[in-house]
Amino acid sequence: MDIDTVTDPEAVGMSAGRLERIATAMQDYVDRGVVRGISTLVARRGHVVHRSLHGDRDAEAGMSMADDTIFRIYSMTKPIVSTALMLLHEEGSFQLEQPLTTFLPAFAAPKVLQPDGSLVDAARPITIGDALAHTSGLTYDFMIDNPAAELYREHQVMHDATRTLAEVVDLIASLPLGFQPGERWHYSVGIDVAARLVEVIADQPLGEYLQERIFTPLGMVDTGFGVPDDRLDRLSAMYGLPDLIGDGYHAGDLVDAALAGFNERIDVSDTYPTSTPDVYVRGGVGLFSTIDDYFRFAQMLANGGELDGERIVGRKTLELMHTNRVPAPMLPFEIMGIPAPGFGFGLGSRVMVDVGASGMSGSIGEFGWAGAAKTYFWVDPVEDLVGVFMAQYMTGPELPDRAFRSVVYQAITD
């Protein structure tokens, strides 16, 4: 697939003129200082129909955003790692209802932390499906609605980049759950646990496995858990609001600071290093990628599991992954108290279940996910549409990725 060539949009049912609204909308966010730089890509029926570049990848160095800019993709690591684990499911190596303890004995006797500080036994084992679907009872350190999150902060579960994946998952297993397994949907380190499952089941380091099974076959030449020295000049700087969670700084303060125009360079090299691809290996965060590389992964998903003659995953496996697993009483799911109406969750990605409730254009069955630094992708199988948005901006109340999505859909003409 020649992703550098933009096909005539009219040939695939999109208006070239209306697609130009993307550039206008995105440039407005840059001009207003909401983000320093944006890169977008849209494809329909397997053909790129629009690309745009805005602002800087490194404002201080005077370096503009470019097609080959490398981004820290944070949680957009999750769909890739979830797919990697499901490749082993296709080989019959595990079943989703199996307990984690089948492969990770450290999870043999989980405890659940109660609001009063007491501990009780988990009512049932955590399953592999729980880990992928965020129904495990695990949490994140930045959560405000989980009693175990403070312990995650205390033990630096997410912010000690010197630990290996095996060490991180053993630490996670030693801490109590915030909820009973299956009790509710709660965003968590479950995909980090899934990443460790990949290593144990495949008997291979995660980075090597991803390279062999996904990145090399798809031609994702700039994706991995590090950035070589000769490519560092292509890495986007990080901007936005400092990460002060755990120091008495609250979400409301972050929003107030963003509205006041706080958008400064942030040094994330300690928590997201470029130079330790054999150590800083995770399932929920950690990958670096470009918009072209991630598009190749997303287009493979849109194609039902193959790209350019390379079959990565089976069509029925993808259907399983992108079917909602969250019971209706648990919807809409929330992250830090912010609901996602209209969406359910499958295995590693959210899934649209109600277009009207979502408040966004889309289709039932559309799936995708985002990263903390304003990276975002979605695949709409009904419209055969892929959108990828890349920026490097932490926190803040405005969502240029949602505006991007709105402008993409209005350009469909058939």
Protein backbone atom coordinates (compact mmCIF):
# COMPACT_ATOMS: atom_id res chain seq x y z
CA MET A 1 0.00 0.00 0.00
CA ASP A 2 1.47 3.31 -1.09
CA ILE A 3 0.31 5.55 1.72
CA ASP A 4 2.16 8.56 0.34
CA THR A 5 -0.25 8.78 -2.60
CA VAL A 6 -3.60 10.43 -1.85
CA THR A 7 -6.26 8.85 -4.04
CA ASP A 8 -8.93 11.02 -5.64
CA PRO A 9 -11.45 11.25 -2.78
CA GLU A 10 -14.41 11.40 -5.15
CA ALA A 11 -13.55 7.91 -6.41
CA VAL A 12 -14.25 6.47 -2.95
CA GLY A 13 -17.27 8.54 -2.05
CA MET A 14 -15.72 11.53 -0.31
CA SER A 15 -15.72 15.20 -1.22
CA ALA A 16 -12.29 16.71 -1.77
CA GLY A 17 -13.64 20.16 -1.01
CA ARG A 18 -15.31 19.13 2.23
CA LEU A 19 -12.20 17.23 3.34
CA GLU A 20 -10.31 20.53 3.25
CA ARG A 21 -12.34 21.55 6.28
CA ILE A 22 -10.03 19.25 8.24
CA ALA A 23 -7.08 21.55 7.65
CA THR A 24 -9.06 24.64 8.61
CA ALA A 25 -10.37 23.07 11.82
CA MET A 26 -7.02 21.64 12.91
CA GLN A 27 -5.08 24.82 12.15
CA ASP A 28 -7.47 26.71 14.40
CA TYR A 29 -6.42 24.58 17.38
CA VAL A 30 -2.77 25.31 16.64
CA ASP A 31 -3.38 29.03 16.10
CA ARG A 32 -5.18 29.27 19.44
CA GLY A 33 -2.33 27.49 21.23
CA VAL A 34 -4.39 24.49 22.29
CA VAL A 35 -1.76 22.17 20.78
CA ARG A 36 1.65 22.86 19.25
CA GLY A 37 1.37 20.42 16.35
CA ILE A 38 -1.12 18.06 14.69
CA SER A 39 -0.86 15.35 12.04
CA THR A 40 -3.97 13.71 10.53
CA LEU A 41 -4.69 10.96 8.04
CA VAL A 42 -7.99 9.73 6.58
CA ALA A 43 -8.55 6.64 4.42
CA ARG A 44 -11.62 5.12 2.82
CA ARG A 45 -11.91 1.73 1.14
CA GLY A 46 -8.20 1.23 1.64
CA HIS A 47 -7.13 4.50 -0.02
CA VAL A 48 -5.70 7.55 1.70
CA VAL A 49 -7.95 10.49 0.83
CA HIS A 50 -6.53 13.25 3.02
CA ARG A 51 -3.48 14.13 5.08
CA SER A 52 -2.69 17.34 6.93
CA LEU A 53 0.19 18.75 8.98
CA HIS A 54 -0.07 21.71 11.33
CA GLY A 55 2.29 23.50 13.69
CA ASP A 56 5.48 22.16 15.23
CA ARG A 57 6.88 18.89 16.43
CA ASP A 58 9.51 20.89 18.34
CA ALA A 59 8.66 24.57 18.65
CA GLU A 60 11.84 25.47 20.53
CA ALA A 61 14.01 23.98 17.79
CA GLY A 62 11.87 25.47 15.02
CA MET A 63 10.99 22.02 13.63
CA SER A 64 7.64 21.69 11.90
CA MET A 65 5.31 18.72 12.10
CA ALA A 66 6.21 16.20 9.37
CA ASP A 67 4.79 13.01 7.89
CA ASP A 68 7.55 10.98 9.57
CA THR A 69 7.25 12.56 13.04
CA ILE A 70 7.53 9.96 15.80
CA PHE A 71 5.03 10.13 18.67
CA ARG A 72 4.70 8.64 22.12
CA ILE A 73 1.37 6.91 21.64
CA TYR A 74 0.63 6.00 25.28
CA SER A 75 -2.62 3.97 25.40
CA MET A 76 -2.77 3.46 21.66
CA THR A 77 -0.27 0.75 22.60
CA LYS A 78 -3.23 -1.21 24.00
CA PRO A 79 -4.98 -2.25 20.73
CA ILE A 80 -1.66 -3.49 19.33
CA VAL A 81 -0.80 -5.55 22.41
CA SER A 82 -4.37 -6.88 22.69
CA THR A 83 -4.17 -8.03 19.08
CA ALA A 84 -0.82 -9.68 19.83
CA LEU A 85 -2.32 -11.69 22.67
CA MET A 86 -5.26 -12.74 20.50
CA LEU A 87 -2.84 -14.17 17.94
CA LEU A 88 -2.02 -16.74 20.62
CA HIS A 89 -5.73 -17.30 21.19
CA GLU A 90 -5.97 -18.18 17.50
CA GLU A 91 -3.31 -20.84 18.06
CA GLY A 92 -5.37 -22.44 20.83
CA SER A 93 -2.88 -21.42 23.52
CA PHE A 94 -5.51 -20.06 25.93
CA GLN A 95 -9.20 -19.28 26.33
CA LEU A 96 -10.63 -16.01 27.54
CA GLU A 97 -12.42 -17.59 30.50
CA GLN A 98 -9.22 -19.12 31.88
CA PRO A 99 -7.91 -17.60 35.13
CA LEU A 100 -4.77 -15.49 34.95
CA THR A 101 -3.20 -17.99 37.34
CA THR A 102 -3.05 -20.54 34.53
CA PHE A 103 0.02 -18.62 33.33
CA LEU A 104 0.69 -16.05 36.06
CA PRO A 105 0.69 -17.79 39.49
CA ALA A 106 1.20 -14.48 41.31
CA PHE A 107 -2.53 -13.78 40.81
CA ALA A 108 -3.53 -16.94 42.71
CA ALA A 109 -5.19 -15.29 45.72
CA PRO A 110 -6.24 -11.71 44.96
CA LYS A 111 -7.63 -9.55 47.74
CA VAL A 112 -10.12 -6.72 47.30
CA LEU A 113 -9.65 -3.45 49.19
CA GLN A 114 -12.82 -2.18 50.83
CA PRO A 115 -13.66 1.51 51.36
CA ASP A 116 -12.97 1.09 55.09
CA GLY A 117 -9.47 -0.21 54.38
CA SER A 118 -10.19 -3.87 55.10
CA LEU A 119 -9.37 -6.69 52.70
CA VAL A 120 -11.65 -9.48 51.53
CA ASP A 121 -11.03 -12.42 49.23
CA ALA A 122 -11.91 -12.05 45.57
CA ALA A 123 -15.23 -13.76 44.87
CA ARG A 124 -13.79 -15.43 41.77
CA PRO A 125 -10.51 -15.58 39.86
CA ILE A 126 -9.52 -12.83 37.43
CA THR A 127 -9.84 -14.20 33.91
CA ILE A 128 -7.80 -13.34 30.85
CA GLY A 129 -10.94 -11.83 29.34
CA ASP A 130 -11.28 -9.59 32.40
CA ALA A 131 -7.77 -8.23 31.88
CA LEU A 132 -8.45 -7.38 28.23
CA ALA A 133 -11.89 -5.90 28.85
CA HIS A 134 -11.07 -3.86 32.01
CA THR A 135 -13.41 -5.84 34.24
CA SER A 136 -10.65 -7.30 36.43
CA GLY A 137 -10.78 -5.00 39.47
CA LEU A 138 -7.31 -3.67 38.67
CA THR A 139 -6.84 0.09 38.41
CA TYR A 140 -4.49 2.93 37.43
CA ASP A 141 -2.64 5.28 39.75
CA PHE A 142 -4.42 8.35 38.36
CA MET A 143 -7.90 7.05 39.14
CA ILE A 144 -9.95 8.96 41.69
CA ASP A 145 -12.78 6.44 42.11
CA ASN A 146 -10.85 3.33 43.11
CA PRO A 147 -9.66 2.71 46.69
CA ALA A 148 -6.57 0.85 45.45
CA ALA A 149 -5.27 3.70 43.28
CA GLU A 150 -3.41 5.31 46.19
CA LEU A 151 -1.40 2.09 46.62
CA TYR A 152 -0.51 2.19 42.93
CA ARG A 153 0.79 5.74 43.42
CA GLU A 154 2.69 4.76 46.54
CA HIS A 155 4.43 1.89 44.76
CA GLN A 156 5.06 3.85 41.54
CA VAL A 157 3.36 1.17 39.44
CA MET A 158 3.22 3.36 36.35
CA HIS A 159 6.10 5.78 36.86
CA ASP A 160 9.17 3.62 37.50
CA ALA A 161 10.53 3.05 34.02
CA THR A 162 13.47 1.00 35.34
CA ARG A 163 11.29 -2.01 36.12
CA THR A 164 10.85 -4.78 33.58
CA LEU A 165 7.40 -5.89 32.47
CA ALA A 166 7.70 -9.03 34.61
CA GLU A 167 8.58 -6.93 37.67
CA VAL A 168 5.69 -4.54 37.08
CA VAL A 169 3.15 -7.33 36.73
CA ASP A 170 4.43 -9.11 39.85
CA LEU A 171 4.02 -5.81 41.71
CA ILE A 172 0.49 -5.40 40.37
CA ALA A 173 -0.37 -8.93 41.51
CA SER A 174 0.85 -8.13 45.04
CA LEU A 175 -1.53 -5.17 45.43
CA PRO A 176 -5.23 -5.50 46.24
CA LEU A 177 -7.98 -5.02 43.70
CA GLY A 178 -10.26 -2.02 43.93
CA PHE A 179 -13.36 -4.03 43.00
CA GLN A 180 -14.46 -7.61 42.69
CA PRO A 181 -13.60 -9.18 39.31
CA GLY A 182 -16.52 -8.66 36.93
CA GLU A 183 -18.25 -6.20 39.25
CA ARG A 184 -17.76 -3.15 37.02
CA TRP A 185 -15.84 -1.75 34.07
CA HIS A 186 -12.80 0.17 35.26
CA TYR A 187 -9.88 1.38 33.16
CA SER A 188 -6.72 -0.31 34.38
CA VAL A 189 -3.33 -1.91 33.92
CA GLY A 190 -5.09 -5.02 32.61
CA ILE A 191 -3.40 -4.72 29.21
CA ASP A 192 0.00 -4.64 30.93
CA VAL A 193 -0.99 -7.99 32.42
CA ALA A 194 -2.05 -9.12 28.94
CA ALA A 195 1.39 -8.10 27.67
CA ARG A 196 3.06 -10.29 30.26
CA LEU A 197 0.77 -13.14 29.19
CA VAL A 198 2.15 -12.74 25.66
CA GLU A 199 5.69 -13.15 26.99
CA VAL A 200 4.88 -16.18 29.12
CA ILE A 201 2.72 -18.02 26.60
CA ALA A 202 4.95 -17.28 23.60
CA ASP A 203 8.14 -17.69 25.67
CA GLN A 204 9.50 -14.58 23.99
CA PRO A 205 10.08 -10.93 24.98
CA LEU A 206 7.12 -8.76 24.04
CA GLY A 207 9.14 -6.40 21.84
CA GLU A 208 10.52 -9.27 19.78
CA TYR A 209 7.10 -10.88 19.48
CA LEU A 210 5.49 -7.65 18.27
CA GLN A 211 8.30 -7.11 15.79
CA GLU A 212 8.01 -10.60 14.31
CA ARG A 213 4.24 -10.99 14.29
CA ILE A 214 2.96 -7.44 13.63
CA PHE A 215 5.49 -4.71 12.90
CA THR A 216 7.69 -6.41 10.30
CA PRO A 217 4.84 -8.05 8.34
CA LEU A 218 2.95 -4.74 8.25
CA GLY A 219 5.97 -2.63 7.36
CA MET A 220 5.73 -0.59 10.57
CA VAL A 221 9.36 0.50 10.38
CA ASP A 222 9.27 3.22 13.06
CA THR A 223 7.24 1.46 15.75
CA GLY A 224 8.77 0.00 18.90
CA PHE A 225 9.52 0.55 22.58
CA GLY A 226 12.39 2.93 21.85
CA VAL A 227 13.71 5.42 19.33
CA PRO A 228 17.18 4.90 17.81
CA ASP A 229 19.62 7.80 18.20
CA ASP A 230 19.60 8.52 14.47
CA ARG A 231 15.82 9.10 14.57
CA LEU A 232 15.56 11.21 17.72
CA ASP A 233 15.35 14.43 15.71
CA ARG A 234 12.02 13.11 14.37
CA LEU A 235 10.54 12.61 17.86
CA SER A 236 7.88 15.17 18.77
CA ALA A 237 8.40 17.16 21.92
CA MET A 238 5.68 16.88 24.57
CA TYR A 239 3.60 19.88 25.57
CA GLY A 240 0.69 20.71 27.84
CA LEU A 241 0.23 20.48 31.57
CA PRO A 242 2.70 19.01 34.07
CA ASP A 243 1.74 15.65 35.55
CA LEU A 244 1.28 16.49 39.21
CA ILE A 245 -1.05 13.66 40.18
CA GLY A 246 -0.10 12.49 43.65
CA ASP A 247 1.10 15.97 44.73
CA GLY A 248 -2.27 17.41 45.60
CA TYR A 249 -3.05 18.53 42.05
CA HIS A 250 -6.56 17.67 40.91
CA ALA A 251 -8.32 17.33 37.58
CA GLY A 252 -10.17 20.60 38.09
CA ASP A 253 -6.88 22.42 38.53
CA LEU A 254 -5.60 20.95 35.29
CA VAL A 255 -8.66 22.18 33.43
CA ASP A 256 -8.33 25.66 34.95
CA ALA A 257 -4.66 25.80 33.95
CA ALA A 258 -5.47 24.71 30.40
CA LEU A 259 -8.18 27.33 30.03
CA ALA A 260 -5.66 29.92 31.19
CA GLY A 261 -3.43 28.96 28.26
CA PHE A 262 -0.85 26.82 30.03
CA ASN A 263 0.81 24.87 27.23
CA GLU A 264 4.49 24.42 27.96
CA ARG A 265 7.11 21.85 27.03
CA ILE A 266 7.13 18.83 29.33
CA ASP A 267 10.07 16.49 29.90
CA VAL A 268 8.68 12.92 29.96
CA SER A 269 12.00 11.17 29.36
CA ASP A 270 12.01 9.61 32.85
CA THR A 271 8.53 8.13 32.60
CA TYR A 272 8.61 7.34 28.86
CA PRO A 273 12.26 6.81 27.90
CA THR A 274 13.49 6.41 24.34
CA SER A 275 16.68 4.48 25.10
CA THR A 276 15.60 1.37 27.03
CA PRO A 277 13.51 -0.72 24.60
CA ASP A 278 14.46 -3.93 26.40
CA VAL A 279 13.38 -2.62 29.83
CA TYR A 280 10.58 -0.09 29.41
CA VAL A 281 8.23 -2.58 27.77
CA ARG A 282 4.56 -2.37 28.67
CA GLY A 283 1.14 -3.33 27.36
CA GLY A 284 -0.85 -0.23 28.23
CA VAL A 285 1.71 2.38 27.20
CA GLY A 286 5.25 2.53 25.89
CA LEU A 287 5.21 2.28 22.11
CA PHE A 288 6.52 4.96 19.78
CA SER A 289 5.03 5.20 16.30
CA THR A 290 4.35 7.44 13.30
CA ILE A 291 1.01 8.26 11.75
CA ASP A 292 1.89 6.15 8.69
CA ASP A 293 2.87 3.14 10.79
CA TYR A 294 -0.25 3.29 12.92
CA PHE A 295 -2.38 3.71 9.83
CA ARG A 296 -0.97 0.46 8.47
CA PHE A 297 -2.04 -1.30 11.67
CA ALA A 298 -5.50 0.31 11.60
CA GLN A 299 -6.01 -0.46 7.90
CA MET A 300 -5.10 -4.07 8.57
CA LEU A 301 -7.92 -4.16 11.13
CA ALA A 302 -10.28 -2.47 8.66
CA ASN A 303 -9.38 -5.09 6.04
CA GLY A 304 -10.41 -7.92 8.34
CA GLY A 305 -6.89 -8.83 9.44
CA GLU A 306 -4.63 -8.51 6.39
CA LEU A 307 -2.65 -5.87 4.53
CA ASP A 308 -0.73 -6.14 1.27
CA GLY A 309 -1.14 -9.90 1.21
CA GLU A 310 0.09 -10.38 4.81
CA ARG A 311 -2.49 -12.07 7.03
CA ILE A 312 -1.93 -10.94 10.63
CA VAL A 313 -5.13 -12.04 12.38
CA GLY A 314 -8.34 -13.80 11.41
CA ARG A 315 -11.52 -11.93 10.55
CA LYS A 316 -13.58 -13.81 13.14
CA THR A 317 -11.00 -13.07 15.82
CA LEU A 318 -11.38 -9.38 15.09
CA GLU A 319 -15.15 -9.69 15.26
CA LEU A 320 -14.76 -11.24 18.72
CA MET A 321 -12.37 -8.49 19.80
CA HIS A 322 -14.64 -5.70 18.61
CA THR A 323 -17.89 -6.98 20.08
CA ASN A 324 -19.06 -5.26 23.26
CA ARG A 325 -18.44 -7.36 26.39
CA VAL A 326 -19.70 -4.89 29.00
CA PRO A 327 -23.19 -5.68 30.37
CA ALA A 328 -25.78 -2.94 29.96
CA PRO A 329 -25.99 -2.16 33.73
CA MET A 330 -22.29 -1.19 33.64
CA LEU A 331 -22.75 1.26 30.77
CA PRO A 332 -21.87 3.94 30.04
CA PHE A 333 -18.37 3.18 31.20
CA GLU A 334 -16.41 6.03 32.76
CA ILE A 335 -12.78 7.09 33.03
CA MET A 336 -12.06 9.39 35.98
CA GLY A 337 -15.75 10.12 36.27
CA ILE A 338 -16.12 11.12 32.61
CA PRO A 339 -18.73 8.91 30.89
CA ALA A 340 -18.47 7.55 27.36
CA PRO A 341 -22.15 7.28 26.37
CA GLY A 342 -22.93 5.19 23.34
CA PHE A 343 -19.84 3.01 23.68
CA GLY A 344 -19.18 -0.44 25.02
CA PHE A 345 -15.83 -2.18 25.26
CA GLY A 346 -14.46 -5.29 23.62
CA LEU A 347 -10.98 -6.79 23.98
CA GLY A 348 -8.61 -3.84 24.03
CA SER A 349 -10.77 -1.26 22.20
CA ARG A 350 -13.99 0.61 22.77
CA VAL A 351 -16.91 -0.23 20.47
CA MET A 352 -19.81 1.99 19.41
CA VAL A 353 -23.16 0.48 20.42
CA ASP A 354 -25.48 3.51 20.14
CA VAL A 355 -24.71 6.30 17.67
CA GLY A 356 -27.30 8.68 19.06
CA ALA A 357 -26.15 8.32 22.64
CA SER A 358 -22.53 8.88 21.64
CA GLY A 359 -23.21 12.38 20.32
CA MET A 360 -20.82 11.73 17.45
CA SER A 361 -21.13 10.68 13.84
CA GLY A 362 -20.29 7.04 13.36
CA SER A 363 -21.68 3.54 12.93
CA ILE A 364 -22.64 0.65 15.15
CA GLY A 365 -19.55 -1.53 15.48
CA GLU A 366 -17.01 1.27 14.93
CA PHE A 367 -13.99 0.75 17.20
CA GLY A 368 -10.77 2.43 18.26
CA TRP A 369 -8.91 4.02 21.15
CA ALA A 370 -6.86 7.05 22.16
CA GLY A 371 -3.64 7.91 23.96
CA ALA A 372 -3.10 10.32 26.84
CA ALA A 373 -1.06 12.73 24.70
CA LYS A 374 -3.90 13.34 22.22
CA THR A 375 -3.35 10.48 19.82
CA TYR A 376 -6.46 8.79 18.49
CA PHE A 377 -7.65 6.34 15.86
CA TRP A 378 -10.86 4.69 14.82
CA VAL A 379 -12.03 2.15 12.27
CA ASP A 380 -15.59 2.24 10.93
CA PRO A 381 -16.27 -1.10 9.18
CA VAL A 382 -19.68 0.04 7.92
CA GLU A 383 -18.20 3.01 6.05
CA ASP A 384 -14.84 1.28 5.41
CA LEU A 385 -13.25 4.34 6.98
CA VAL A 386 -10.05 4.85 8.99
CA GLY A 387 -9.02 8.01 10.80
CA VAL A 388 -5.72 8.63 12.62
CA PHE A 389 -4.92 11.75 14.64
CA MET A 390 -1.53 12.45 16.22
CA ALA A 391 -0.45 15.24 18.58
CA GLN A 392 1.67 15.46 21.74
CA TYR A 393 -0.30 17.38 24.32
CA MET A 394 -1.06 16.16 27.84
CA THR A 395 -4.42 16.82 29.46
CA GLY A 396 -6.53 19.91 28.76
CA PRO A 397 -10.29 20.37 28.24
CA GLU A 398 -10.40 20.77 24.45
CA LEU A 399 -10.59 17.75 22.17
CA PRO A 400 -9.29 18.45 18.65
CA ASP A 401 -9.45 14.72 17.94
CA ARG A 402 -13.24 14.82 18.27
CA ALA A 403 -13.43 17.82 15.95
CA PHE A 404 -11.28 15.91 13.47
CA ARG A 405 -13.73 13.03 13.56
CA SER A 406 -16.73 15.31 12.96
CA VAL A 407 -15.14 16.92 9.92
CA VAL A 408 -14.14 13.55 8.46
CA TYR A 409 -17.67 12.16 8.54
CA GLN A 410 -19.25 15.24 6.97
CA ALA A 411 -17.09 14.66 3.88
CA ILE A 412 -18.75 11.34 3.00
CA THR A 413 -20.90 11.82 -0.11
CA ASP A 414 -22.27 8.36 -1.00
